[in-house]
């Protein structure tokens, strides 16, 4: 599975942003998908995940209530939309996919995912 993120950029605090993750080599509907982010000097952090069917989602506490994750099978793309961005959201955002096998919504560590994109930079100015 090849994953390519896009949609990052420089925004102001309070703005919204939608990130895209285009997949090739496999259908996004065949994999649980997740978004992670990594700020300078920090470890890669789980942001959101979506199940195979798209019927279940999970978010890190700091993103709850202002973030959605969705998938479009026709476009073979997964999206992450974040509202009310703050400087604390500044990071490189990565899309990840889990290969076939056991997966539950508790899987929120980078080691739980097998395929990664190259990341897209999101910078939020105050």
Foldseek 3Di string as FASTA:
>chain_A
DAWAKDWADEEAAQAKTKMKIADPPDAQLQWKKFKWWDDPPGDIWTAKIAHSVRPDMDGDPVQPPFWDWGADRVRSMIMIMGGRDDQVPWTWMKMFTAHDDDDDNVPIDPVRTDYIYPTDTHGYHD
